[in-house]
N, C-alpha and C. Protein backbone atom coordinates (compact mmCIF):
# COMPACT_ATOMS: atom_id res chain seq x y z
N MET A 1 -14.28 10.87 15.63
CA MET A 1 -13.46 10.80 14.59
C MET A 1 -13.12 11.71 13.01
N ILE A 2 -12.21 12.21 13.13
CA ILE A 2 -12.00 13.43 11.88
C ILE A 2 -12.00 12.80 10.73
N LYS A 3 -11.95 13.41 9.75
CA LYS A 3 -11.90 12.84 8.38
C LYS A 3 -10.70 13.66 7.96
N VAL A 4 -9.72 12.80 7.37
CA VAL A 4 -8.34 13.12 6.57
C VAL A 4 -8.45 13.46 5.38
N ALA A 5 -7.89 14.56 5.23
CA ALA A 5 -7.62 15.19 3.62
C ALA A 5 -6.27 15.36 3.17
N PRO A 6 -5.41 14.59 2.59
CA PRO A 6 -3.95 14.68 2.55
C PRO A 6 -3.63 15.68 1.18
N SER A 7 -2.90 16.62 1.70
CA SER A 7 -2.88 17.47 0.75
C SER A 7 -1.91 17.41 -0.39
N ILE A 8 -2.16 17.28 -1.43
CA ILE A 8 -1.17 17.15 -2.71
C ILE A 8 -0.25 17.69 -2.90
N LEU A 9 -0.04 19.08 -2.08
CA LEU A 9 0.82 19.80 -2.70
C LEU A 9 2.22 19.10 -1.91
N SER A 10 2.33 18.27 -0.79
CA SER A 10 3.23 17.87 -0.40
C SER A 10 3.78 16.33 -0.93
N ALA A 11 2.68 16.09 -2.05
CA ALA A 11 3.12 14.85 -2.82
C ALA A 11 4.31 14.71 -3.41
N ASP A 12 4.80 13.58 -4.30
CA ASP A 12 5.82 13.48 -4.96
C ASP A 12 5.06 13.73 -6.37
N TYR A 13 5.24 14.44 -7.52
CA TYR A 13 4.71 14.87 -8.39
C TYR A 13 4.81 13.54 -9.39
N VAL A 14 6.21 13.23 -9.38
CA VAL A 14 6.46 12.03 -10.27
C VAL A 14 5.84 10.97 -10.27
N ASN A 15 5.01 11.08 -9.01
CA ASN A 15 4.50 9.54 -8.64
C ASN A 15 3.17 10.05 -7.94
N LEU A 16 2.58 10.54 -8.74
CA LEU A 16 1.38 11.73 -7.71
C LEU A 16 0.37 10.47 -7.93
N GLN A 17 0.10 9.91 -9.00
CA GLN A 17 -0.95 8.72 -8.66
C GLN A 17 -0.30 7.76 -7.58
N LYS A 18 0.74 7.08 -7.83
CA LYS A 18 1.02 6.02 -6.73
C LYS A 18 0.56 6.80 -5.29
N ASP A 19 1.02 8.16 -5.11
CA ASP A 19 0.44 8.76 -3.89
C ASP A 19 -0.64 8.75 -3.50
N ILE A 20 -1.52 9.44 -4.41
CA ILE A 20 -2.91 9.05 -4.03
C ILE A 20 -3.54 7.84 -4.02
N GLU A 21 -3.21 7.00 -4.71
CA GLU A 21 -3.83 5.69 -4.22
C GLU A 21 -3.14 4.97 -3.39
N LYS A 22 -1.98 5.51 -2.62
CA LYS A 22 -1.64 5.02 -1.23
C LYS A 22 -2.57 5.38 -0.02
N VAL A 23 -3.02 6.84 -0.05
CA VAL A 23 -3.60 7.80 0.42
C VAL A 23 -5.01 7.09 1.04
N ASP A 24 -5.94 7.15 -0.42
CA ASP A 24 -6.96 6.52 -0.67
C ASP A 24 -6.98 4.76 0.03
N GLN A 25 -6.37 4.29 -0.37
CA GLN A 25 -6.41 3.09 0.80
C GLN A 25 -6.36 3.05 1.81
N GLY A 26 -5.42 3.88 2.53
CA GLY A 26 -4.91 4.15 3.50
C GLY A 26 -5.80 5.03 4.46
N GLY A 27 -7.22 4.90 3.87
CA GLY A 27 -8.38 5.55 4.80
C GLY A 27 -8.79 6.77 4.50
N ALA A 28 -7.87 7.82 4.07
CA ALA A 28 -8.51 9.33 3.48
C ALA A 28 -9.52 8.88 3.26
N GLU A 29 -10.49 10.27 3.33
CA GLU A 29 -11.52 10.37 2.80
C GLU A 29 -11.79 11.41 1.86
N VAL A 30 -10.84 12.67 1.54
CA VAL A 30 -10.68 13.68 1.18
C VAL A 30 -9.14 14.05 0.63
N LEU A 31 -9.17 14.53 -0.71
CA LEU A 31 -8.05 14.44 -1.29
C LEU A 31 -7.78 16.22 -1.31
N HIS A 32 -6.95 17.16 -0.75
CA HIS A 32 -7.14 18.55 -0.82
C HIS A 32 -5.98 18.99 -2.31
N ILE A 33 -6.55 19.68 -2.75
CA ILE A 33 -5.71 20.27 -3.61
C ILE A 33 -6.04 22.04 -3.55
N ASP A 34 -4.69 22.19 -3.74
CA ASP A 34 -4.41 23.86 -3.33
C ASP A 34 -4.08 24.24 -4.85
N ILE A 35 -5.05 25.55 -4.92
CA ILE A 35 -4.75 26.56 -6.31
C ILE A 35 -4.09 27.28 -5.70
N MET A 36 -2.92 28.26 -6.22
CA MET A 36 -1.93 29.21 -5.82
C MET A 36 -2.05 29.87 -7.29
N ASP A 37 -2.12 31.08 -7.16
CA ASP A 37 -2.21 31.97 -8.17
C ASP A 37 -0.56 33.01 -8.57
N GLY A 38 -0.01 33.02 -7.41
CA GLY A 38 0.80 33.61 -7.27
C GLY A 38 0.50 35.10 -6.89
N GLN A 39 -0.49 35.64 -6.71
CA GLN A 39 -0.90 36.87 -6.30
C GLN A 39 -1.39 36.73 -4.90
N PHE A 40 -2.44 36.30 -4.65
CA PHE A 40 -3.02 36.27 -3.39
C PHE A 40 -2.14 35.47 -2.81
N VAL A 41 -1.31 34.62 -2.95
CA VAL A 41 -0.06 33.88 -2.31
C VAL A 41 0.91 33.97 -3.42
N PRO A 42 2.25 33.98 -2.59
CA PRO A 42 3.25 33.88 -3.67
C PRO A 42 3.58 32.72 -4.43
N ALA A 43 3.37 31.53 -4.04
CA ALA A 43 3.30 30.67 -4.66
C ALA A 43 2.54 29.99 -5.89
N LEU A 44 2.91 29.11 -6.62
CA LEU A 44 2.17 29.11 -8.01
C LEU A 44 1.88 27.71 -7.95
N SER A 45 0.80 27.19 -8.21
CA SER A 45 0.17 25.82 -8.55
C SER A 45 -0.42 25.35 -9.48
N TYR A 46 -1.16 24.22 -9.44
CA TYR A 46 -2.27 23.99 -10.63
C TYR A 46 -3.16 24.77 -10.80
N GLY A 47 -3.84 24.31 -12.22
CA GLY A 47 -4.86 24.43 -12.89
C GLY A 47 -5.88 23.48 -12.70
N PRO A 48 -7.06 23.89 -13.76
CA PRO A 48 -8.27 22.51 -13.70
C PRO A 48 -7.53 21.71 -14.37
N GLY A 49 -6.50 21.47 -15.00
CA GLY A 49 -6.21 20.04 -16.08
C GLY A 49 -5.80 19.26 -14.68
N TRP A 50 -5.11 19.94 -13.83
CA TRP A 50 -4.68 18.52 -12.80
C TRP A 50 -5.86 17.98 -12.27
N VAL A 51 -7.07 18.56 -11.87
CA VAL A 51 -8.28 17.97 -11.12
C VAL A 51 -8.91 17.06 -12.11
N LYS A 52 -8.94 17.34 -13.52
CA LYS A 52 -9.27 16.32 -14.36
C LYS A 52 -8.75 15.41 -14.22
N ALA A 53 -7.44 15.45 -14.42
CA ALA A 53 -6.31 14.41 -14.60
C ALA A 53 -6.35 13.35 -13.22
N ILE A 54 -6.72 13.81 -12.20
CA ILE A 54 -6.72 13.24 -10.78
C ILE A 54 -8.10 12.50 -10.32
N ARG A 55 -9.62 13.35 -11.55
CA ARG A 55 -10.65 12.62 -10.94
C ARG A 55 -11.15 11.01 -11.44
N PRO A 56 -10.43 10.94 -12.45
CA PRO A 56 -10.71 9.39 -12.62
C PRO A 56 -9.66 8.47 -11.50
N ILE A 57 -8.71 8.80 -11.00
CA ILE A 57 -8.00 7.65 -10.25
C ILE A 57 -8.40 7.65 -8.99
N THR A 58 -9.38 8.12 -8.41
CA THR A 58 -9.76 7.86 -7.00
C THR A 58 -11.01 8.47 -6.78
N LYS A 59 -11.83 7.67 -5.61
CA LYS A 59 -13.09 7.83 -5.32
C LYS A 59 -13.41 9.23 -4.33
N MET A 60 -12.41 9.34 -3.83
CA MET A 60 -11.83 10.05 -2.81
C MET A 60 -12.67 11.73 -3.07
N VAL A 61 -13.09 12.42 -2.14
CA VAL A 61 -13.93 13.92 -2.32
C VAL A 61 -12.49 14.47 -2.92
N LEU A 62 -12.80 15.26 -3.70
CA LEU A 62 -12.03 16.35 -4.16
C LEU A 62 -12.07 17.90 -3.65
N ASP A 63 -11.55 18.17 -2.58
CA ASP A 63 -11.57 19.65 -1.99
C ASP A 63 -10.39 20.59 -2.74
N VAL A 64 -11.34 21.44 -3.53
CA VAL A 64 -10.37 22.14 -4.56
C VAL A 64 -10.02 23.52 -3.52
N HIS A 65 -8.80 23.85 -2.99
CA HIS A 65 -8.70 25.32 -2.32
C HIS A 65 -8.26 26.25 -3.05
N MET A 66 -8.86 27.44 -3.47
CA MET A 66 -8.85 27.97 -4.50
C MET A 66 -8.01 29.17 -3.91
N MET A 67 -6.52 29.80 -3.65
CA MET A 67 -5.87 31.01 -3.16
C MET A 67 -5.58 31.97 -4.18
N VAL A 68 -6.55 32.38 -5.08
CA VAL A 68 -6.42 32.96 -6.16
C VAL A 68 -7.45 34.30 -5.61
N GLU A 69 -6.91 35.43 -6.44
CA GLU A 69 -7.24 36.90 -6.75
C GLU A 69 -8.45 36.84 -7.57
N GLN A 70 -9.67 37.48 -7.53
CA GLN A 70 -10.90 37.08 -8.21
C GLN A 70 -11.34 35.58 -8.63
N PRO A 71 -11.31 35.04 -7.53
CA PRO A 71 -11.85 33.14 -7.87
C PRO A 71 -12.80 32.86 -8.59
N GLU A 72 -13.82 33.98 -8.81
CA GLU A 72 -15.00 33.70 -9.81
C GLU A 72 -14.55 33.31 -11.25
N ARG A 73 -13.57 33.85 -11.85
CA ARG A 73 -12.95 33.38 -12.82
C ARG A 73 -12.23 32.32 -13.52
N PHE A 74 -12.49 31.57 -12.22
CA PHE A 74 -11.91 29.69 -12.50
C PHE A 74 -13.21 28.83 -11.85
N ILE A 75 -13.97 29.37 -11.23
CA ILE A 75 -14.79 28.47 -10.52
C ILE A 75 -15.61 27.27 -11.88
N ASP A 76 -15.91 27.82 -12.50
CA ASP A 76 -16.93 26.89 -13.59
C ASP A 76 -15.91 26.16 -14.25
N GLN A 77 -14.43 26.32 -14.54
CA GLN A 77 -13.69 25.76 -14.56
C GLN A 77 -13.30 24.41 -13.87
N PHE A 78 -13.14 24.76 -12.35
CA PHE A 78 -12.32 23.75 -11.51
C PHE A 78 -14.37 23.06 -11.44
N ALA A 79 -15.12 23.44 -11.10
CA ALA A 79 -16.20 23.00 -11.03
C ALA A 79 -16.47 21.42 -12.48
N ASP A 80 -16.14 21.83 -13.53
CA ASP A 80 -16.14 21.09 -14.93
C ASP A 80 -15.01 19.69 -14.56
N ALA A 81 -13.92 20.30 -14.25
CA ALA A 81 -12.75 19.43 -14.00
C ALA A 81 -13.01 18.11 -13.50
N GLY A 82 -14.38 18.33 -12.27
CA GLY A 82 -14.54 17.29 -11.30
C GLY A 82 -14.71 17.71 -9.87
N ALA A 83 -14.39 18.64 -9.35
CA ALA A 83 -14.19 19.15 -7.75
C ALA A 83 -15.25 18.75 -7.46
N ASP A 84 -15.32 18.31 -6.25
CA ASP A 84 -16.67 18.15 -5.06
C ASP A 84 -16.97 19.24 -4.32
N ILE A 85 -15.46 19.94 -3.85
CA ILE A 85 -16.01 21.25 -2.91
C ILE A 85 -15.23 21.74 -3.79
N ILE A 86 -15.77 23.55 -3.52
CA ILE A 86 -14.76 24.52 -4.04
C ILE A 86 -14.52 25.16 -2.90
N GLY A 87 -13.36 25.83 -2.45
CA GLY A 87 -13.08 27.19 -1.49
C GLY A 87 -12.72 27.89 -2.03
N VAL A 88 -13.20 29.09 -1.61
CA VAL A 88 -13.05 30.62 -2.02
C VAL A 88 -12.53 31.66 -0.54
N HIS A 89 -11.75 31.72 -0.43
CA HIS A 89 -11.23 33.32 0.50
C HIS A 89 -12.24 34.17 0.38
N VAL A 90 -12.76 34.32 1.75
CA VAL A 90 -13.54 35.61 2.05
C VAL A 90 -12.59 36.76 1.55
N GLU A 91 -11.41 36.64 1.88
CA GLU A 91 -10.35 37.84 1.58
C GLU A 91 -9.78 38.21 -0.06
N SER A 92 -10.49 36.99 -1.14
CA SER A 92 -9.97 37.15 -2.27
C SER A 92 -11.23 38.10 -3.02
N THR A 93 -12.08 38.07 -2.67
CA THR A 93 -13.00 38.78 -3.63
C THR A 93 -14.12 39.61 -2.62
N PRO A 94 -14.51 40.87 -3.17
CA PRO A 94 -15.48 41.58 -2.58
C PRO A 94 -16.83 41.07 -2.91
N HIS A 95 -16.74 39.88 -3.71
CA HIS A 95 -18.17 39.78 -4.15
C HIS A 95 -18.32 37.82 -3.44
N ILE A 96 -18.03 38.01 -2.39
CA ILE A 96 -18.26 36.33 -1.62
C ILE A 96 -19.24 35.49 -1.95
N HIS A 97 -20.21 36.60 -1.49
CA HIS A 97 -21.67 35.66 -1.74
C HIS A 97 -21.83 35.21 -3.12
N ARG A 98 -21.65 36.12 -4.12
CA ARG A 98 -21.74 35.58 -5.71
C ARG A 98 -20.85 34.78 -6.10
N ALA A 99 -19.55 34.72 -5.20
CA ALA A 99 -18.56 33.35 -5.80
C ALA A 99 -19.63 32.27 -5.03
N LEU A 100 -19.73 32.27 -3.63
CA LEU A 100 -20.29 31.09 -3.16
C LEU A 100 -21.48 30.64 -4.09
N GLN A 101 -22.51 31.44 -4.64
CA GLN A 101 -23.81 31.09 -5.27
C GLN A 101 -23.17 30.35 -6.51
N MET A 102 -22.21 31.10 -7.13
CA MET A 102 -21.63 30.05 -8.43
C MET A 102 -21.35 29.14 -8.05
N ILE A 103 -20.74 28.62 -7.36
CA ILE A 103 -20.10 27.40 -6.74
C ILE A 103 -21.62 26.48 -6.88
N LYS A 104 -22.87 26.77 -6.16
CA LYS A 104 -23.56 26.19 -5.71
C LYS A 104 -24.30 25.59 -6.75
N ASN A 105 -24.61 26.69 -7.79
CA ASN A 105 -25.09 26.75 -8.93
C ASN A 105 -24.45 25.75 -10.06
N LYS A 106 -23.46 25.36 -9.75
CA LYS A 106 -22.64 24.45 -10.46
C LYS A 106 -22.79 23.10 -10.13
N GLY A 107 -23.57 22.82 -8.93
CA GLY A 107 -23.82 21.55 -8.30
C GLY A 107 -22.87 20.84 -7.55
N VAL A 108 -21.81 21.96 -6.74
CA VAL A 108 -20.53 21.54 -6.46
C VAL A 108 -21.08 22.24 -4.49
N LYS A 109 -20.45 21.80 -3.57
CA LYS A 109 -20.21 22.06 -2.34
C LYS A 109 -19.48 22.96 -2.07
N ALA A 110 -20.02 24.13 -1.79
CA ALA A 110 -19.24 25.63 -1.72
C ALA A 110 -18.78 25.48 -0.43
N GLU A 111 -17.49 26.24 -0.20
CA GLU A 111 -16.61 26.40 0.84
C GLU A 111 -16.06 27.55 1.19
N VAL A 112 -16.25 28.17 2.46
CA VAL A 112 -15.71 29.68 2.60
C VAL A 112 -14.31 29.41 3.27
N VAL A 113 -13.25 30.25 3.26
CA VAL A 113 -12.02 29.93 3.52
C VAL A 113 -11.78 31.31 4.40
N ILE A 114 -11.12 31.54 5.74
CA ILE A 114 -10.44 32.61 6.32
C ILE A 114 -9.30 32.52 6.46
N ASN A 115 -8.06 33.40 6.66
CA ASN A 115 -7.20 33.65 7.42
C ASN A 115 -6.65 33.75 8.62
N PRO A 116 -5.89 33.41 8.94
CA PRO A 116 -5.27 33.48 10.47
C PRO A 116 -6.13 34.91 11.22
N GLY A 117 -5.65 35.72 10.28
CA GLY A 117 -6.28 37.20 11.03
C GLY A 117 -7.57 37.89 10.52
N THR A 118 -8.50 36.57 10.19
CA THR A 118 -9.84 37.41 9.72
C THR A 118 -10.33 36.56 10.93
N PRO A 119 -11.58 37.87 11.23
CA PRO A 119 -12.72 36.70 12.02
C PRO A 119 -13.51 36.53 11.59
N VAL A 120 -14.35 35.42 12.66
CA VAL A 120 -15.05 34.78 12.12
C VAL A 120 -16.35 35.68 11.91
N SER A 121 -16.48 36.76 12.11
CA SER A 121 -17.71 37.63 12.01
C SER A 121 -17.40 38.42 10.36
N ALA A 122 -16.63 38.31 9.71
CA ALA A 122 -16.28 38.80 8.22
C ALA A 122 -17.29 37.52 7.26
N ILE A 123 -17.16 36.77 8.05
CA ILE A 123 -17.95 35.26 6.75
C ILE A 123 -19.64 35.00 7.50
N LYS A 124 -19.87 35.36 8.45
CA LYS A 124 -21.44 35.01 9.33
C LYS A 124 -22.41 35.24 8.47
N PRO A 125 -22.44 36.61 7.44
CA PRO A 125 -23.65 36.57 6.64
C PRO A 125 -23.92 35.48 5.65
N VAL A 126 -22.60 34.89 5.43
CA VAL A 126 -22.96 33.49 4.43
C VAL A 126 -22.63 32.25 4.82
N LEU A 127 -22.62 32.23 6.22
CA LEU A 127 -22.53 30.66 6.96
C LEU A 127 -23.44 30.10 6.35
N TYR A 128 -24.91 30.40 6.02
CA TYR A 128 -25.80 29.97 5.77
C TYR A 128 -25.78 28.99 4.56
N MET A 129 -25.12 29.39 3.58
CA MET A 129 -25.22 28.79 2.22
C MET A 129 -23.94 28.04 2.03
N VAL A 130 -22.95 27.72 2.94
CA VAL A 130 -21.88 26.84 2.65
C VAL A 130 -22.15 25.37 3.30
N ASP A 131 -20.98 24.43 2.43
CA ASP A 131 -21.25 23.11 3.14
C ASP A 131 -20.07 23.14 3.86
N GLN A 132 -18.89 23.98 4.18
CA GLN A 132 -17.85 23.46 5.02
C GLN A 132 -17.25 24.98 4.70
N VAL A 133 -16.51 25.18 6.17
CA VAL A 133 -15.68 26.24 6.46
C VAL A 133 -14.33 25.86 6.74
N LEU A 134 -13.76 26.62 5.76
CA LEU A 134 -12.12 26.21 6.18
C LEU A 134 -11.65 27.28 7.20
N VAL A 135 -10.83 26.65 7.90
CA VAL A 135 -10.41 27.63 8.91
C VAL A 135 -8.72 27.34 8.79
N MET A 136 -8.05 28.39 8.26
CA MET A 136 -6.58 28.41 7.87
C MET A 136 -5.65 28.22 9.20
N THR A 137 -5.30 27.66 9.39
CA THR A 137 -4.25 27.49 10.77
C THR A 137 -2.90 27.85 10.73
N VAL A 138 -2.43 28.32 9.53
CA VAL A 138 -1.35 28.93 9.18
C VAL A 138 -1.64 29.94 8.29
N ASN A 139 -0.57 30.51 8.02
CA ASN A 139 -0.63 31.69 6.58
C ASN A 139 -0.91 30.98 5.68
N PRO A 140 -1.54 31.17 4.20
CA PRO A 140 -1.81 30.33 3.33
C PRO A 140 -0.42 30.43 2.39
N GLY A 141 -0.05 29.45 1.43
CA GLY A 141 0.83 29.68 0.46
C GLY A 141 1.94 28.94 0.54
N PHE A 142 2.41 28.36 1.49
CA PHE A 142 3.36 27.43 1.88
C PHE A 142 3.14 26.26 2.87
N GLY A 143 3.59 25.16 2.53
CA GLY A 143 3.57 23.75 3.59
C GLY A 143 4.66 23.96 4.49
N GLY A 144 4.68 22.79 5.19
CA GLY A 144 5.53 22.66 6.35
C GLY A 144 5.67 23.78 7.76
N GLN A 145 4.54 24.34 7.79
CA GLN A 145 4.50 25.43 8.76
C GLN A 145 3.83 25.07 10.04
N LYS A 146 4.28 25.78 11.56
CA LYS A 146 3.53 25.67 12.57
C LYS A 146 2.41 26.20 12.77
N PHE A 147 1.36 25.05 13.35
CA PHE A 147 -0.03 25.24 13.70
C PHE A 147 0.17 26.19 14.76
N LEU A 148 -1.04 27.27 14.43
CA LEU A 148 -1.28 28.57 15.61
C LEU A 148 -2.25 28.23 16.11
N PRO A 149 -2.02 28.16 17.59
CA PRO A 149 -2.72 27.88 18.18
C PRO A 149 -4.13 28.67 18.38
N GLU A 150 -3.64 29.98 18.53
CA GLU A 150 -4.58 30.86 18.43
C GLU A 150 -6.16 31.11 17.28
N THR A 151 -5.81 29.90 16.44
CA THR A 151 -7.17 29.80 15.63
C THR A 151 -8.01 28.96 16.32
N VAL A 152 -7.78 28.20 17.15
CA VAL A 152 -8.57 26.91 17.85
C VAL A 152 -9.92 27.99 18.37
N LYS A 153 -9.62 28.96 18.71
CA LYS A 153 -10.84 29.75 19.14
C LYS A 153 -11.44 29.96 18.12
N LYS A 154 -11.72 30.33 16.78
CA LYS A 154 -12.52 30.25 15.95
C LYS A 154 -13.19 29.26 15.47
N ILE A 155 -12.21 28.24 15.68
CA ILE A 155 -12.94 26.64 15.17
C ILE A 155 -14.27 26.83 16.31
N ALA A 156 -14.09 26.91 17.50
CA ALA A 156 -14.81 26.76 18.82
C ALA A 156 -15.95 27.91 18.67
N GLU A 157 -15.68 28.98 17.85
CA GLU A 157 -16.82 30.22 17.63
C GLU A 157 -17.64 29.60 16.40
N LEU A 158 -16.76 28.99 15.50
CA LEU A 158 -18.20 28.53 14.43
C LEU A 158 -18.88 26.83 15.15
N ASN A 159 -18.35 26.52 15.85
CA ASN A 159 -18.85 25.35 16.06
C ASN A 159 -20.40 26.01 17.37
N GLU A 160 -20.01 26.93 17.77
CA GLU A 160 -20.96 27.31 18.58
C GLU A 160 -22.25 28.01 17.63
N LEU A 161 -21.49 28.61 16.62
CA LEU A 161 -22.78 29.46 15.58
C LEU A 161 -23.28 28.36 15.15
N LYS A 162 -22.73 27.08 14.41
CA LYS A 162 -23.77 25.92 13.81
C LYS A 162 -24.93 25.40 15.39
N LYS A 163 -24.78 25.57 16.56
CA LYS A 163 -25.66 25.02 17.15
C LYS A 163 -26.74 26.29 17.49
N THR A 164 -26.39 27.44 17.79
CA THR A 164 -27.38 28.61 18.02
C THR A 164 -28.07 28.95 17.19
N GLU A 165 -27.69 28.72 15.83
CA GLU A 165 -28.19 29.30 14.34
C GLU A 165 -28.85 28.32 13.60
N GLY A 166 -28.11 27.17 14.33
CA GLY A 166 -28.97 26.08 13.76
C GLY A 166 -28.43 25.71 12.21
N LEU A 167 -27.22 25.78 11.99
CA LEU A 167 -26.66 25.57 10.55
C LEU A 167 -25.85 24.17 10.48
N ASN A 168 -25.52 23.59 9.07
CA ASN A 168 -25.03 22.63 8.74
C ASN A 168 -24.05 22.72 8.20
N PHE A 169 -22.64 22.79 8.74
CA PHE A 169 -21.26 22.35 7.88
C PHE A 169 -20.06 22.34 8.42
N ASP A 170 -19.45 21.33 7.60
CA ASP A 170 -18.51 20.82 8.03
C ASP A 170 -17.21 22.10 8.35
N ILE A 171 -16.44 21.99 9.21
CA ILE A 171 -15.16 22.77 9.86
C ILE A 171 -14.01 21.94 9.43
N GLU A 172 -13.08 22.54 8.36
CA GLU A 172 -11.88 22.08 8.24
C GLU A 172 -10.69 23.09 8.42
N ILE A 173 -9.51 22.38 8.83
CA ILE A 173 -8.64 22.99 9.36
C ILE A 173 -7.36 22.53 8.05
N ASP A 174 -6.43 23.57 7.87
CA ASP A 174 -5.54 23.09 7.41
C ASP A 174 -3.80 24.02 7.54
N GLY A 175 -2.98 23.38 8.11
CA GLY A 175 -1.72 24.09 8.30
C GLY A 175 -1.49 23.69 9.44
N GLY A 176 0.08 22.88 9.74
CA GLY A 176 0.59 22.48 10.75
C GLY A 176 -0.53 21.09 11.10
N VAL A 177 -1.10 20.74 10.92
CA VAL A 177 -2.06 19.28 11.48
C VAL A 177 -1.18 18.57 11.41
N ASN A 178 -0.91 17.79 12.35
CA ASN A 178 -0.62 16.45 13.10
C ASN A 178 -1.15 15.58 13.99
N ASP A 179 -0.71 14.74 14.53
CA ASP A 179 -1.49 14.01 15.70
C ASP A 179 -1.39 14.91 17.08
N HIS A 180 -0.46 15.57 17.02
CA HIS A 180 -1.14 16.49 18.43
C HIS A 180 -1.58 17.67 18.35
N THR A 181 -1.23 18.52 17.15
CA THR A 181 -2.17 19.65 16.99
C THR A 181 -3.64 19.51 16.62
N VAL A 182 -4.07 18.47 15.93
CA VAL A 182 -5.29 18.15 15.59
C VAL A 182 -6.04 17.75 16.76
N VAL A 183 -5.59 17.60 17.98
CA VAL A 183 -6.82 17.03 18.77
C VAL A 183 -7.54 18.25 19.52
N GLY A 184 -6.69 19.21 19.99
CA GLY A 184 -7.69 20.65 20.43
C GLY A 184 -8.56 21.13 19.43
N ALA A 185 -8.20 21.01 18.36
CA ALA A 185 -8.92 21.55 16.91
C ALA A 185 -10.31 20.71 16.90
N TYR A 186 -9.93 19.40 17.13
CA TYR A 186 -11.15 18.46 16.65
C TYR A 186 -11.85 18.34 18.54
N GLN A 187 -11.20 18.84 19.40
CA GLN A 187 -12.15 19.21 20.74
C GLN A 187 -13.39 20.07 20.47
N ALA A 188 -12.73 21.41 19.74
CA ALA A 188 -13.29 22.39 19.56
C ALA A 188 -14.25 22.66 18.57
N GLY A 189 -13.99 21.60 17.55
CA GLY A 189 -15.19 21.57 16.93
C GLY A 189 -14.79 21.20 15.24
N ALA A 190 -13.65 20.82 15.07
CA ALA A 190 -13.45 20.61 13.49
C ALA A 190 -13.87 19.02 13.44
N THR A 191 -14.23 18.72 11.96
CA THR A 191 -14.57 17.74 11.58
C THR A 191 -14.18 17.16 10.35
N VAL A 192 -12.75 18.07 9.68
CA VAL A 192 -11.81 17.47 8.85
C VAL A 192 -10.63 17.94 8.71
N ALA A 193 -9.23 17.28 8.89
CA ALA A 193 -8.24 18.04 8.84
C ALA A 193 -7.44 17.71 7.65
N VAL A 194 -6.94 19.00 7.11
CA VAL A 194 -6.04 18.84 5.92
C VAL A 194 -4.21 18.40 6.73
N ALA A 195 -3.89 17.48 5.97
CA ALA A 195 -2.56 17.14 6.43
C ALA A 195 -1.20 17.29 5.27
N GLY A 196 -0.56 17.45 5.13
CA GLY A 196 0.46 17.76 3.48
C GLY A 196 1.66 17.40 3.98
N SER A 197 2.56 17.93 4.71
CA SER A 197 3.98 17.34 5.31
C SER A 197 4.12 16.53 5.94
N TYR A 198 3.14 16.53 7.03
CA TYR A 198 3.28 15.18 7.71
C TYR A 198 2.43 13.87 7.37
N VAL A 199 1.96 13.89 6.08
CA VAL A 199 1.55 12.53 5.83
C VAL A 199 2.75 12.19 4.82
N PHE A 200 2.71 13.22 3.71
CA PHE A 200 3.38 12.70 2.32
C PHE A 200 5.00 12.80 2.75
N ASP A 201 5.52 13.40 3.50
CA ASP A 201 7.16 13.47 3.90
C ASP A 201 7.55 12.45 5.07
N ALA A 202 6.15 11.45 5.32
CA ALA A 202 7.09 10.33 5.78
C ALA A 202 6.63 9.36 5.28
N ASP A 203 7.65 8.30 5.50
CA ASP A 203 8.12 6.94 5.01
C ASP A 203 6.73 6.36 4.85
N ASP A 204 5.75 6.32 5.91
CA ASP A 204 4.69 5.28 5.66
C ASP A 204 3.33 6.08 5.84
N PRO A 205 2.82 6.76 4.78
CA PRO A 205 1.88 7.97 4.82
C PRO A 205 0.77 7.41 5.25
N VAL A 206 0.37 5.91 5.24
CA VAL A 206 -0.82 5.67 6.13
C VAL A 206 -1.17 5.40 7.54
N SER A 207 0.58 5.51 7.85
CA SER A 207 0.22 5.29 9.45
C SER A 207 0.32 6.72 10.06
N ARG A 208 0.62 7.87 9.12
CA ARG A 208 0.05 9.05 9.46
C ARG A 208 -1.08 9.36 9.49
N ILE A 209 -1.48 8.83 8.62
CA ILE A 209 -3.15 9.15 8.71
C ILE A 209 -3.89 8.37 9.91
N LYS A 210 -3.47 7.25 9.77
CA LYS A 210 -4.38 6.39 11.25
C LYS A 210 -3.80 7.19 12.15
N ALA A 211 -2.51 7.78 12.77
CA ALA A 211 -2.47 8.65 13.73
C ALA A 211 -3.59 9.71 14.40
N ILE A 212 -3.66 10.46 13.16
CA ILE A 212 -4.69 11.82 13.15
C ILE A 212 -6.05 11.18 13.54
N LYS A 213 -6.39 9.95 12.91
CA LYS A 213 -7.73 9.40 13.30
C LYS A 213 -7.82 8.91 14.98
N ASP A 214 -6.40 7.88 14.83
CA ASP A 214 -6.51 7.57 16.54
C ASP A 214 -6.63 8.75 17.38
N ALA A 215 -5.85 9.95 17.04
CA ALA A 215 -5.82 11.05 18.08
C ALA A 215 -7.21 11.71 18.38
N THR A 216 -8.25 11.46 17.45
CA THR A 216 -9.71 12.06 17.31
C THR A 216 -10.39 10.82 17.73
N LYS A 217 -10.47 9.85 18.29
CA LYS A 217 -11.50 8.95 18.67
C LYS A 217 -11.90 9.33 19.84
């Protein structure tokens, strides 16, 4: 069964604590927090203060996805704010090894992220040092997009590398996830599913979390 990571990008900011508590009690294991700088992606979102404010109200794993140029500038701040996992895009820095090393040095789990147009080969040299790989199943920066089915091949490729190279990392998917699109991704090897609008736009978010889990039993 796949782990579910609701994305607060689609939550009600005025009632954020209530939304977080609802998905926490509804069985979600991870809370996905999208950090966007208006440069690497067009949209702009949260800073470390949001993570610091969220940390005391949930025991869910805080998965901080940094969609920012030169993420090295902010890694320490997000780690100190309470992030459990910090993800950096291989496309966002020429120093991906250094960025991942910085995350590990803070005692936080390290995640490398790839966009739909980026091949798995681009991150193969650093797979040995990561705890999680995030495969973007839409182009990053906006919620509510349709799942890109061609990305499933990359999930399968990563899963095969785990076996042949003796590696141990979670494979997370993000974008267009629902109880239908998650099935093929899970069968290919995905272990964590980010879901934003599918969960938080529903009248009953808990039922949507259950639907994703039921689809991957």
